[in-house]
Amino acid sequence: MLVAIKDSLKIIEQNRAMVNALKDQGVAVEYQEFPNCDHFNLMHGLRYAEEDHTRHFLTFVQQD
């Protein structure tokens, strides 16, 4: 889960709660917070290979 820290606190809390609930059910979850992003530039930034969150996302989806 990619989380933009410049989003509203409620959204961040919901994301953290979702991760904890999934982990409590035994689901493997990868969680990464990005301090300099809101959800708009997090998503729009995925268009650019040089963005940290893009590299992180691509590494995750390319894992076996």
C-alpha atoms as a PDB file:
ATOM      1  CA  MET A   1       0.000   0.000   0.000  1.00  0.00           C
ATOM      2  CA  LEU A   2       1.400   3.373  -1.021  1.00  0.00           C
ATOM      3  CA  VAL A   3       0.312   6.140   1.356  1.00  0.00           C
ATOM      4  CA  ALA A   4       0.648   9.867   0.719  1.00  0.00           C
ATOM      5  CA  ILE A   5       1.349  11.622   4.013  1.00  0.00           C
ATOM      6  CA  LYS A   6       0.114  15.005   2.762  1.00  0.00           C
ATOM      7  CA  ASP A   7      -3.415  13.577   2.537  1.00  0.00           C
ATOM      8  CA  SER A   8      -5.966  14.136   5.271  1.00  0.00           C
ATOM      9  CA  LEU A   9      -5.212  12.528   8.610  1.00  0.00           C
ATOM     10  CA  LYS A  10      -8.455  10.520   8.380  1.00  0.00           C
ATOM     11  CA  ILE A  11      -7.369   8.869   5.112  1.00  0.00           C
ATOM     12  CA  ILE A  12      -3.949   8.054   6.555  1.00  0.00           C
ATOM     13  CA  GLU A  13      -5.539   6.573   9.693  1.00  0.00           C
ATOM     14  CA  GLN A  14      -7.907   4.472   7.546  1.00  0.00           C
ATOM     15  CA  ASN A  15      -5.000   3.157   5.470  1.00  0.00           C
ATOM     16  CA  ARG A  16      -3.023   2.231   8.584  1.00  0.00           C
ATOM     17  CA  ALA A  17      -6.082   0.528  10.094  1.00  0.00           C
ATOM     18  CA  MET A  18      -6.639  -1.429   6.869  1.00  0.00           C
ATOM     19  CA  VAL A  19      -3.027  -2.614   6.862  1.00  0.00           C
ATOM     20  CA  ASN A  20      -3.285  -3.711  10.496  1.00  0.00           C
ATOM     21  CA  ALA A  21      -6.585  -5.522   9.871  1.00  0.00           C
ATOM     22  CA  LEU A  22      -5.126  -7.351   6.872  1.00  0.00           C
ATOM     23  CA  LYS A  23      -2.018  -8.337   8.826  1.00  0.00           C
ATOM     24  CA  ASP A  24      -4.218  -9.569  11.700  1.00  0.00           C
ATOM     25  CA  GLN A  25      -5.864 -11.895   9.155  1.00  0.00           C
ATOM     26  CA  GLY A  26      -2.498 -13.209   7.999  1.00  0.00           C
ATOM     27  CA  VAL A  27      -2.390 -11.254   4.744  1.00  0.00           C
ATOM     28  CA  ALA A  28       1.084 -10.170   3.670  1.00  0.00           C
ATOM     29  CA  VAL A  29       0.974  -6.407   3.191  1.00  0.00           C
ATOM     30  CA  GLU A  30       3.735  -4.100   2.073  1.00  0.00           C
ATOM     31  CA  TYR A  31       3.204  -0.568   3.380  1.00  0.00           C
ATOM     32  CA  GLN A  32       5.134   2.535   2.384  1.00  0.00           C
ATOM     33  CA  GLU A  33       4.513   6.145   3.376  1.00  0.00           C
ATOM     34  CA  PHE A  34       5.626   8.987   1.110  1.00  0.00           C
ATOM     35  CA  PRO A  35       6.065  12.207   3.109  1.00  0.00           C
ATOM     36  CA  ASN A  36       6.213  14.653   0.189  1.00  0.00           C
ATOM     37  CA  CYS A  37       3.087  13.501  -1.646  1.00  0.00           C
ATOM     38  CA  ASP A  38      -0.662  13.805  -1.566  1.00  0.00           C
ATOM     39  CA  HIS A  39      -2.788  11.222  -3.373  1.00  0.00           C
ATOM     40  CA  PHE A  40      -2.872  13.315  -6.547  1.00  0.00           C
ATOM     41  CA  ASN A  41       0.870  13.631  -7.030  1.00  0.00           C
ATOM     42  CA  LEU A  42       1.349  10.070  -5.813  1.00  0.00           C
ATOM     43  CA  MET A  43      -0.897   8.776  -8.620  1.00  0.00           C
ATOM     44  CA  HIS A  44       0.195  11.270 -11.278  1.00  0.00           C
ATOM     45  CA  GLY A  45       3.826  10.658 -10.352  1.00  0.00           C
ATOM     46  CA  LEU A  46       3.488   7.004 -11.373  1.00  0.00           C
ATOM     47  CA  ARG A  47       3.912   8.270 -14.939  1.00  0.00           C
ATOM     48  CA  TYR A  48       7.558   9.081 -14.221  1.00  0.00           C
ATOM     49  CA  ALA A  49      10.155   6.343 -13.734  1.00  0.00           C
ATOM     50  CA  GLU A  50      12.437   8.584 -11.658  1.00  0.00           C
ATOM     51  CA  GLU A  51       9.872   9.114  -8.853  1.00  0.00           C
ATOM     52  CA  ASP A  52      10.639   7.209  -5.627  1.00  0.00           C
ATOM     53  CA  HIS A  53       7.117   5.842  -5.342  1.00  0.00           C
ATOM     54  CA  THR A  54       7.166   4.694  -8.981  1.00  0.00           C
ATOM     55  CA  ARG A  55      10.381   2.732  -8.430  1.00  0.00           C
ATOM     56  CA  HIS A  56       8.957   1.235  -5.230  1.00  0.00           C
ATOM     57  CA  PHE A  57       5.707   0.260  -6.962  1.00  0.00           C
ATOM     58  CA  LEU A  58       7.498  -1.305  -9.943  1.00  0.00           C
ATOM     59  CA  THR A  59       9.797  -3.288  -7.659  1.00  0.00           C
ATOM     60  CA  PHE A  60       6.746  -4.594  -5.805  1.00  0.00           C
ATOM     61  CA  VAL A  61       4.791  -5.683  -8.904  1.00  0.00           C
ATOM     62  CA  GLN A  62       7.844  -7.320 -10.482  1.00  0.00           C
ATOM     63  CA  GLN A  63       8.480  -9.603  -7.499  1.00  0.00           C
ATOM     64  CA  ASP A  64       7.879 -13.327  -7.978  1.00  0.00           C
END
